[in-house]
Amino acid sequence: MKRIACNPRRDWQQRVEESGLAWHSSDVPYWNESAFYRFTAQEIAELERITNELEQMTLRAVEHVIENRLYSRLQIPPRAVPLIEASWHAEPPSLYGRFDLAFDGTGPPKLLEYNADTPTSLVEAAVVQWYWLQDTAPSSDQFNSLHERLIAQWKHLAACFPDGRIDFCSLDDLEDGITVTYLEDTARQAGLSTSCFPVEDIGWNGGAFVGPEGRELRAVFKLYPWEWMVREEFGEHLADASTLWIEPPWKMLLSNKGILPVLWELYPNAT
């Protein structure tokens, strides 16, 4: 792995905004085109292998927490436990998660955290980064098929959604809003019917969660943490409603930092 200095595109702000990245600058620049990282094919293969291995390890950690009822170690509220256990045993659909790894190109990658419930960074990773590559090094390639894999996963999950429909919601926030809009676009490309609205527009009609127009919400992708949802006023209805949520409730265990010591105990010799 090499860090290579380069010159930012002359109109990079406009270019990334056109690709959907409107939060590219702040006091500390978020999007930085002054350098890029070049990996060998062997390093890419190792990162892919480690990621797949970590996925299996984290699933085993979830199973361990549930089987041994270690919820208090993760400070999971009692209200959330039935949701977690029911969703784990029902095996509802899941779309994606994001491993954050530390890697110096010499030693093995190290897990920093697993954002398995509300992962962002999709627009910059799947779209903006790709257009940067096309502008600056069109003859090079990128180990990045996020966009295509998201569409493929939506197609794979389509049978799980009543009437081939899934709704999208998030906080009324620039980054979250653009992220769910992008995900909605990939779902539409997969042939699904969709709508998108702020999460605060979700209501409860006494028997079901409903959207802004009073329509029952049967399948929802929510960019809104489960640990917040279960503490909301409507949280008491989550176990009673038939809404299919993506990501499923058991993902709140993996997005909890308390899962890291559980992983360490289960795999003490992991490098």
Protein backbone atom coordinates (compact mmCIF):
# COMPACT_ATOMS: atom_id res chain seq x y z
CA MET A 1 0.00 0.00 0.00
CA LYS A 2 1.36 3.43 -0.94
CA ARG A 3 0.11 6.93 -0.21
CA ILE A 4 0.62 8.99 -3.36
CA ALA A 5 0.38 12.77 -3.45
CA CYS A 6 -1.64 14.28 -6.28
CA ASN A 7 -3.23 17.53 -7.36
CA PRO A 8 -6.92 18.07 -6.64
CA ARG A 9 -9.14 18.58 -9.67
CA ARG A 10 -9.43 22.27 -10.44
CA ASP A 11 -13.21 22.27 -10.01
CA TRP A 12 -13.38 19.44 -7.47
CA GLN A 13 -15.99 21.16 -5.26
CA GLN A 14 -18.43 21.44 -8.14
CA ARG A 15 -17.66 17.92 -9.32
CA VAL A 16 -18.31 16.25 -5.97
CA GLU A 17 -21.47 18.31 -5.41
CA GLU A 18 -22.77 17.14 -8.79
CA SER A 19 -22.23 13.59 -7.56
CA GLY A 20 -24.24 14.22 -4.39
CA LEU A 21 -21.52 15.06 -1.86
CA ALA A 22 -22.73 18.39 -0.49
CA TRP A 23 -20.92 18.12 2.86
CA HIS A 24 -17.40 18.04 1.39
CA SER A 25 -15.91 20.93 3.40
CA SER A 26 -15.83 22.21 6.95
CA ASP A 27 -13.16 23.57 9.31
CA VAL A 28 -11.34 20.33 8.60
CA PRO A 29 -11.83 19.25 4.96
CA TYR A 30 -13.92 16.10 4.71
CA TRP A 31 -13.19 15.32 1.06
CA ASN A 32 -9.47 15.56 0.30
CA GLU A 33 -8.02 15.03 -3.18
CA SER A 34 -4.41 15.85 -2.29
CA ALA A 35 -3.47 12.15 -2.04
CA PHE A 36 -4.76 8.68 -2.82
CA TYR A 37 -3.85 5.14 -1.75
CA ARG A 38 -2.66 2.46 -4.14
CA PHE A 39 -3.08 -1.18 -3.13
CA THR A 40 -1.65 -4.34 -4.60
CA ALA A 41 -3.96 -7.12 -5.72
CA GLN A 42 -2.67 -9.23 -2.83
CA GLU A 43 -3.54 -6.52 -0.31
CA ILE A 44 -7.03 -6.19 -1.74
CA ALA A 45 -7.51 -9.95 -1.52
CA GLU A 46 -6.37 -9.88 2.10
CA LEU A 47 -8.78 -7.06 2.98
CA GLU A 48 -11.64 -8.97 1.37
CA ARG A 49 -10.70 -12.17 3.21
CA ILE A 50 -10.47 -10.39 6.55
CA THR A 51 -13.79 -8.64 6.01
CA ASN A 52 -15.57 -11.91 5.26
CA GLU A 53 -13.94 -13.52 8.29
CA LEU A 54 -14.96 -10.62 10.52
CA GLU A 55 -18.56 -10.95 9.32
CA GLN A 56 -18.66 -14.55 10.53
CA MET A 57 -16.96 -13.64 13.83
CA THR A 58 -19.43 -10.84 14.53
CA LEU A 59 -22.40 -13.08 13.80
CA ARG A 60 -21.00 -15.59 16.27
CA ALA A 61 -20.68 -12.78 18.81
CA VAL A 62 -24.35 -11.85 18.36
CA GLU A 63 -25.33 -15.48 18.87
CA HIS A 64 -23.17 -15.60 22.02
CA VAL A 65 -24.80 -12.48 23.49
CA ILE A 66 -28.30 -13.80 22.80
CA GLU A 67 -27.65 -17.33 24.05
CA ASN A 68 -26.05 -16.09 27.27
CA ARG A 69 -28.32 -13.06 27.67
CA LEU A 70 -25.44 -10.61 28.00
CA TYR A 71 -27.64 -7.62 27.24
CA SER A 72 -26.72 -5.72 30.40
CA ARG A 73 -23.07 -5.73 29.37
CA LEU A 74 -24.07 -3.82 26.26
CA GLN A 75 -26.58 -1.69 28.20
CA ILE A 76 -29.41 -2.89 25.99
CA PRO A 77 -32.75 -1.69 27.46
CA PRO A 78 -35.16 -4.51 28.47
CA ARG A 79 -37.74 -3.24 25.96
CA ALA A 80 -35.35 -4.06 23.12
CA VAL A 81 -34.56 -7.65 24.11
CA PRO A 82 -37.71 -9.31 22.67
CA LEU A 83 -37.20 -7.37 19.42
CA ILE A 84 -33.59 -8.52 19.15
CA GLU A 85 -34.35 -12.16 19.88
CA ALA A 86 -37.41 -12.35 17.62
CA SER A 87 -35.57 -10.79 14.69
CA TRP A 88 -32.50 -12.99 15.18
CA HIS A 89 -34.57 -16.18 15.06
CA ALA A 90 -36.81 -14.96 12.21
CA GLU A 91 -33.78 -14.07 10.04
CA PRO A 92 -35.31 -10.99 8.37
CA PRO A 93 -33.47 -9.39 5.44
CA SER A 94 -30.43 -7.18 5.89
CA LEU A 95 -28.92 -4.87 3.28
CA TYR A 96 -25.41 -3.88 4.34
CA GLY A 97 -23.00 -2.79 7.08
CA ARG A 98 -19.68 -0.97 7.28
CA PHE A 99 -16.54 -2.28 8.92
CA ASP A 100 -14.09 0.43 9.97
CA LEU A 101 -10.59 -1.05 9.80
CA ALA A 102 -7.09 0.19 10.62
CA PHE A 103 -4.53 -1.01 8.07
CA ASP A 104 -0.94 0.09 7.54
CA GLY A 105 -0.12 -2.19 4.62
CA THR A 106 2.21 -4.38 6.67
CA GLY A 107 0.37 -5.97 9.59
CA PRO A 108 -3.12 -7.48 9.43
CA PRO A 109 -6.14 -5.12 9.33
CA LYS A 110 -7.62 -4.35 12.75
CA LEU A 111 -11.29 -3.82 13.49
CA LEU A 112 -12.09 -0.42 14.98
CA GLU A 113 -15.89 -0.75 14.91
CA TYR A 114 -18.72 -2.27 12.94
CA ASN A 115 -21.44 0.18 11.97
CA ALA A 116 -24.05 -2.43 11.15
CA ASP A 117 -27.24 -0.47 11.81
CA THR A 118 -26.94 3.02 10.30
CA PRO A 119 -23.84 3.04 8.09
CA THR A 120 -23.25 6.05 5.88
CA SER A 121 -20.29 6.98 3.60
CA LEU A 122 -22.11 5.32 0.71
CA VAL A 123 -22.34 8.27 -1.64
CA GLU A 124 -18.65 9.11 -1.38
CA ALA A 125 -17.55 5.47 -1.61
CA ALA A 126 -19.90 4.21 -4.32
CA VAL A 127 -20.29 7.31 -6.50
CA VAL A 128 -17.96 10.26 -5.81
CA GLN A 129 -14.83 8.15 -5.55
CA TRP A 130 -15.64 6.40 -8.82
CA TYR A 131 -16.04 9.66 -10.75
CA TRP A 132 -12.78 10.93 -9.25
CA LEU A 133 -11.04 7.85 -10.64
CA GLN A 134 -12.59 8.32 -14.07
CA ASP A 135 -11.41 11.94 -14.16
CA THR A 136 -7.89 11.38 -12.87
CA ALA A 137 -6.84 7.84 -13.81
CA PRO A 138 -9.34 6.33 -16.28
CA SER A 139 -7.00 3.47 -17.18
CA SER A 140 -6.81 2.34 -13.53
CA ASP A 141 -9.31 0.20 -11.69
CA GLN A 142 -10.91 0.30 -8.29
CA PHE A 143 -11.91 -2.57 -6.04
CA ASN A 144 -15.35 -1.08 -5.60
CA SER A 145 -18.62 -2.58 -6.74
CA LEU A 146 -20.84 -1.07 -4.04
CA HIS A 147 -23.38 0.38 -6.46
CA GLU A 148 -23.82 -2.83 -8.41
CA ARG A 149 -23.94 -4.96 -5.27
CA LEU A 150 -26.59 -2.77 -3.66
CA ILE A 151 -28.83 -3.16 -6.70
CA ALA A 152 -28.19 -6.90 -6.74
CA GLN A 153 -29.01 -7.19 -3.03
CA TRP A 154 -32.28 -5.27 -3.47
CA LYS A 155 -33.22 -7.70 -6.24
CA HIS A 156 -32.33 -10.61 -3.98
CA LEU A 157 -34.50 -9.21 -1.17
CA ALA A 158 -37.42 -8.11 -3.36
CA ALA A 159 -39.55 -11.14 -2.51
CA CYS A 160 -39.44 -10.14 1.18
CA PHE A 161 -41.22 -6.83 0.56
CA PRO A 162 -45.02 -6.86 0.32
CA ASP A 163 -46.17 -5.69 -3.11
CA GLY A 164 -42.54 -5.12 -4.11
CA ARG A 165 -42.40 -1.88 -2.15
CA ILE A 166 -40.03 -0.41 0.43
CA ASP A 167 -40.15 3.06 1.97
CA PHE A 168 -37.14 5.08 3.12
CA CYS A 169 -36.79 7.46 6.04
CA SER A 170 -34.11 9.34 7.96
CA LEU A 171 -33.60 12.42 10.05
CA ASP A 172 -34.07 15.72 8.23
CA ASP A 173 -30.28 15.98 7.88
CA LEU A 174 -28.24 16.72 4.76
CA GLU A 175 -25.94 13.68 4.87
CA ASP A 176 -28.61 11.22 6.02
CA GLY A 177 -31.14 12.58 3.55
CA ILE A 178 -28.82 12.25 0.57
CA THR A 179 -27.74 8.80 1.70
CA VAL A 180 -31.30 7.43 1.81
CA THR A 181 -32.11 9.19 -1.47
CA TYR A 182 -29.18 7.36 -3.04
CA LEU A 183 -30.30 4.05 -1.53
CA GLU A 184 -33.83 4.70 -2.77
CA ASP A 185 -32.43 5.16 -6.28
CA THR A 186 -30.61 1.81 -6.11
CA ALA A 187 -33.86 0.16 -4.94
CA ARG A 188 -35.74 1.67 -7.87
CA GLN A 189 -33.07 0.44 -10.25
CA ALA A 190 -33.73 -3.00 -8.79
CA GLY A 191 -37.40 -2.67 -9.76
CA LEU A 192 -38.90 -1.81 -6.35
CA SER A 193 -41.57 0.81 -5.67
CA THR A 194 -40.43 3.40 -3.13
CA SER A 195 -41.05 6.65 -1.31
CA CYS A 196 -38.83 8.74 0.95
CA PHE A 197 -39.71 11.00 3.89
CA PRO A 198 -38.34 12.27 7.24
CA VAL A 199 -38.53 9.75 10.06
CA GLU A 200 -40.58 12.19 12.16
CA ASP A 201 -43.40 11.81 9.61
CA ILE A 202 -44.00 8.22 10.71
CA GLY A 203 -47.17 7.87 12.77
CA TRP A 204 -49.05 5.19 14.70
CA ASN A 205 -52.74 4.66 13.91
CA GLY A 206 -53.47 2.30 16.77
CA GLY A 207 -52.59 -0.87 14.90
CA ALA A 208 -49.80 -0.09 12.45
CA PHE A 209 -47.07 2.38 11.63
CA VAL A 210 -48.13 4.72 8.84
CA GLY A 211 -46.41 7.16 6.50
CA PRO A 212 -47.12 10.84 5.82
CA GLU A 213 -50.28 10.05 3.82
CA GLY A 214 -51.66 7.56 6.35
CA ARG A 215 -50.59 4.53 4.29
CA GLU A 216 -49.51 1.52 6.32
CA LEU A 217 -45.75 1.01 6.28
CA ARG A 218 -45.07 -2.65 5.59
CA ALA A 219 -41.34 -2.48 4.77
CA VAL A 220 -39.05 0.40 5.71
CA PHE A 221 -35.36 1.18 5.38
CA LYS A 222 -34.62 3.57 8.22
CA LEU A 223 -31.37 5.47 8.65
CA TYR A 224 -32.18 5.94 12.31
CA PRO A 225 -30.51 4.00 15.15
CA TRP A 226 -32.39 1.24 16.89
CA GLU A 227 -31.18 2.45 20.28
CA TRP A 228 -33.12 5.66 19.61
CA MET A 229 -36.16 3.91 18.18
CA VAL A 230 -36.75 1.70 21.21
CA ARG A 231 -36.63 4.73 23.51
CA GLU A 232 -39.10 6.77 21.44
CA GLU A 233 -42.69 7.24 22.54
CA PHE A 234 -43.81 4.82 19.81
CA GLY A 235 -41.11 2.30 20.80
CA GLU A 236 -43.60 0.28 22.83
CA HIS A 237 -45.42 -0.58 19.58
CA LEU A 238 -42.40 -1.95 17.70
CA ALA A 239 -43.02 -5.52 18.84
CA ASP A 240 -46.71 -5.40 17.92
CA ALA A 241 -46.50 -3.91 14.43
CA SER A 242 -45.96 -6.03 11.33
CA THR A 243 -43.54 -3.54 9.73
CA LEU A 244 -40.39 -5.10 8.31
CA TRP A 245 -37.46 -2.86 9.26
CA ILE A 246 -34.08 -2.71 7.55
CA GLU A 247 -31.73 -3.01 9.23
CA PRO A 248 -33.34 -5.58 11.61
CA PRO A 249 -33.34 -5.07 15.41
CA TRP A 250 -30.56 -7.56 16.15
CA LYS A 251 -28.15 -5.26 14.31
CA MET A 252 -28.19 -2.97 17.36
CA LEU A 253 -25.89 -5.50 19.05
CA LEU A 254 -23.25 -5.15 16.35
CA SER A 255 -23.36 -1.35 16.30
CA ASN A 256 -22.85 -1.35 20.06
CA LYS A 257 -19.22 -0.77 21.10
CA GLY A 258 -19.78 -3.38 23.80
CA ILE A 259 -19.58 -6.08 21.13
CA LEU A 260 -15.81 -5.46 20.84
CA PRO A 261 -14.84 -7.00 24.22
CA VAL A 262 -17.20 -9.89 23.45
CA LEU A 263 -15.28 -10.49 20.22
CA TRP A 264 -11.99 -10.28 22.10
CA GLU A 265 -13.16 -12.91 24.60
CA LEU A 266 -14.43 -15.24 21.88
CA TYR A 267 -11.33 -14.86 19.70
CA PRO A 268 -8.43 -14.09 22.08
CA ASN A 269 -5.80 -15.27 19.60
CA ALA A 270 -7.15 -13.43 16.59
CA THR A 271 -4.53 -11.21 15.03
